[in-house]
Amino acid sequence: MLNRRHLRIKAMQNIFAWHTTEKKDTVSSQKILMKSIDEVNQMYISMLALIVDVT
């Protein structure tokens, strides 16, 4: 489960990455942010599946 803290951290990382690049493309930055959030969500689901497998 993604809470506000995780989303805030991902958003700040994305804003920093966007700010430090030469090419300021908001569309690609948004895609990267959504991909990053999806990866965290998949990791959470994998961890839950691991708990089920262990027990």
N, C-alpha and C. Protein backbone atom coordinates (compact mmCIF):
# COMPACT_ATOMS: atom_id res chain seq x y z
N MET A 1 0.84 -1.17 0.00
CA MET A 1 0.00 0.00 0.00
C MET A 1 0.89 1.24 0.00
N LEU A 2 0.57 2.14 -0.87
CA LEU A 2 1.33 3.39 -0.94
C LEU A 2 0.66 4.43 -0.05
N ASN A 3 1.42 4.95 0.86
CA ASN A 3 0.86 6.01 1.68
C ASN A 3 1.35 7.36 1.16
N ARG A 4 0.91 8.41 1.80
CA ARG A 4 1.27 9.75 1.33
C ARG A 4 2.76 10.01 1.38
N ARG A 5 3.43 9.43 2.36
CA ARG A 5 4.87 9.64 2.49
C ARG A 5 5.61 9.08 1.28
N HIS A 6 5.27 7.86 0.87
CA HIS A 6 5.92 7.26 -0.30
C HIS A 6 5.66 8.09 -1.55
N LEU A 7 4.42 8.52 -1.73
CA LEU A 7 4.09 9.32 -2.91
C LEU A 7 4.82 10.66 -2.89
N ARG A 8 4.91 11.27 -1.72
CA ARG A 8 5.61 12.55 -1.59
C ARG A 8 7.10 12.39 -1.92
N ILE A 9 7.71 11.32 -1.43
CA ILE A 9 9.12 11.08 -1.72
C ILE A 9 9.34 10.89 -3.21
N LYS A 10 8.50 10.08 -3.84
CA LYS A 10 8.63 9.84 -5.28
C LYS A 10 8.43 11.13 -6.07
N ALA A 11 7.47 11.94 -5.66
CA ALA A 11 7.22 13.20 -6.36
C ALA A 11 8.41 14.14 -6.21
N MET A 12 8.98 14.24 -5.02
CA MET A 12 10.14 15.11 -4.81
C MET A 12 11.36 14.62 -5.59
N GLN A 13 11.56 13.31 -5.66
CA GLN A 13 12.66 12.77 -6.45
C GLN A 13 12.48 13.11 -7.92
N ASN A 14 11.25 13.03 -8.39
CA ASN A 14 10.97 13.33 -9.79
C ASN A 14 11.14 14.82 -10.08
N ILE A 15 10.70 15.66 -9.17
CA ILE A 15 10.86 17.11 -9.36
C ILE A 15 12.34 17.48 -9.38
N PHE A 16 13.12 16.88 -8.49
CA PHE A 16 14.56 17.16 -8.47
C PHE A 16 15.22 16.70 -9.77
N ALA A 17 14.85 15.51 -10.24
CA ALA A 17 15.42 15.01 -11.49
C ALA A 17 15.03 15.91 -12.66
N TRP A 18 13.80 16.38 -12.68
CA TRP A 18 13.34 17.27 -13.74
C TRP A 18 14.09 18.60 -13.69
N HIS A 19 14.31 19.10 -12.48
CA HIS A 19 14.96 20.40 -12.31
C HIS A 19 16.44 20.35 -12.71
N THR A 20 17.08 19.22 -12.52
CA THR A 20 18.51 19.13 -12.81
C THR A 20 18.82 18.76 -14.27
N THR A 21 17.81 18.40 -15.05
CA THR A 21 18.06 18.05 -16.45
C THR A 21 18.03 19.30 -17.32
N GLU A 22 18.69 19.20 -18.45
CA GLU A 22 18.69 20.31 -19.40
C GLU A 22 17.35 20.40 -20.13
N LYS A 23 16.81 19.25 -20.49
CA LYS A 23 15.56 19.19 -21.25
C LYS A 23 14.40 19.11 -20.26
N LYS A 24 13.60 20.14 -20.18
CA LYS A 24 12.49 20.20 -19.23
C LYS A 24 11.20 19.74 -19.91
N ASP A 25 11.00 18.43 -19.96
CA ASP A 25 9.82 17.84 -20.60
C ASP A 25 8.90 17.28 -19.52
N THR A 26 7.76 17.93 -19.31
CA THR A 26 6.86 17.51 -18.24
C THR A 26 6.16 16.20 -18.55
N VAL A 27 5.92 15.92 -19.82
CA VAL A 27 5.21 14.68 -20.19
C VAL A 27 6.07 13.46 -19.85
N SER A 28 7.34 13.51 -20.23
CA SER A 28 8.21 12.37 -19.92
C SER A 28 8.44 12.25 -18.41
N SER A 29 8.51 13.38 -17.71
CA SER A 29 8.67 13.34 -16.26
C SER A 29 7.47 12.70 -15.59
N GLN A 30 6.29 13.00 -16.10
CA GLN A 30 5.08 12.40 -15.54
C GLN A 30 5.06 10.90 -15.79
N LYS A 31 5.49 10.47 -16.97
CA LYS A 31 5.54 9.04 -17.28
C LYS A 31 6.53 8.33 -16.36
N ILE A 32 7.67 8.96 -16.11
CA ILE A 32 8.67 8.37 -15.22
C ILE A 32 8.12 8.26 -13.81
N LEU A 33 7.42 9.29 -13.35
CA LEU A 33 6.82 9.25 -12.01
C LEU A 33 5.80 8.13 -11.89
N MET A 34 4.94 7.99 -12.88
CA MET A 34 3.92 6.93 -12.83
C MET A 34 4.57 5.55 -12.88
N LYS A 35 5.64 5.40 -13.67
CA LYS A 35 6.36 4.13 -13.73
C LYS A 35 6.98 3.81 -12.38
N SER A 36 7.55 4.81 -11.74
CA SER A 36 8.18 4.63 -10.43
C SER A 36 7.14 4.23 -9.38
N ILE A 37 5.99 4.86 -9.41
CA ILE A 37 4.92 4.52 -8.46
C ILE A 37 4.42 3.10 -8.72
N ASP A 38 4.28 2.72 -9.98
CA ASP A 38 3.86 1.36 -10.30
C ASP A 38 4.88 0.32 -9.82
N GLU A 39 6.17 0.65 -9.95
CA GLU A 39 7.21 -0.27 -9.48
C GLU A 39 7.15 -0.46 -7.97
N VAL A 40 6.91 0.61 -7.23
CA VAL A 40 6.79 0.50 -5.77
C VAL A 40 5.56 -0.33 -5.41
N ASN A 41 4.48 -0.13 -6.14
CA ASN A 41 3.26 -0.89 -5.89
C ASN A 41 3.49 -2.38 -6.17
N GLN A 42 4.19 -2.70 -7.25
CA GLN A 42 4.50 -4.09 -7.57
C GLN A 42 5.40 -4.72 -6.51
N MET A 43 6.34 -3.94 -5.99
CA MET A 43 7.22 -4.43 -4.94
C MET A 43 6.41 -4.75 -3.68
N TYR A 44 5.46 -3.90 -3.36
CA TYR A 44 4.60 -4.13 -2.20
C TYR A 44 3.79 -5.42 -2.37
N ILE A 45 3.24 -5.63 -3.55
CA ILE A 45 2.46 -6.84 -3.83
C ILE A 45 3.36 -8.07 -3.74
N SER A 46 4.58 -7.97 -4.25
CA SER A 46 5.52 -9.09 -4.16
C SER A 46 5.87 -9.42 -2.72
N MET A 47 6.03 -8.40 -1.90
CA MET A 47 6.34 -8.63 -0.48
C MET A 47 5.17 -9.31 0.22
N LEU A 48 3.95 -8.92 -0.12
CA LEU A 48 2.78 -9.57 0.47
C LEU A 48 2.71 -11.03 0.04
N ALA A 49 3.02 -11.30 -1.21
CA ALA A 49 3.01 -12.68 -1.70
C ALA A 49 4.08 -13.51 -1.00
N LEU A 50 5.21 -12.90 -0.71
CA LEU A 50 6.29 -13.60 -0.01
C LEU A 50 5.85 -13.97 1.41
N ILE A 51 5.13 -13.09 2.07
CA ILE A 51 4.63 -13.39 3.42
C ILE A 51 3.68 -14.58 3.38
N VAL A 52 2.83 -14.62 2.37
CA VAL A 52 1.89 -15.73 2.23
C VAL A 52 2.65 -17.03 1.99
N ASP A 53 3.69 -16.98 1.15
CA ASP A 53 4.47 -18.18 0.86
C ASP A 53 5.23 -18.69 2.08
N VAL A 54 5.70 -17.80 2.91
CA VAL A 54 6.48 -18.18 4.09
C VAL A 54 5.60 -18.81 5.15
N THR A 55 4.40 -18.32 5.29
CA THR A 55 3.51 -18.84 6.34
C THR A 55 2.76 -20.00 5.86
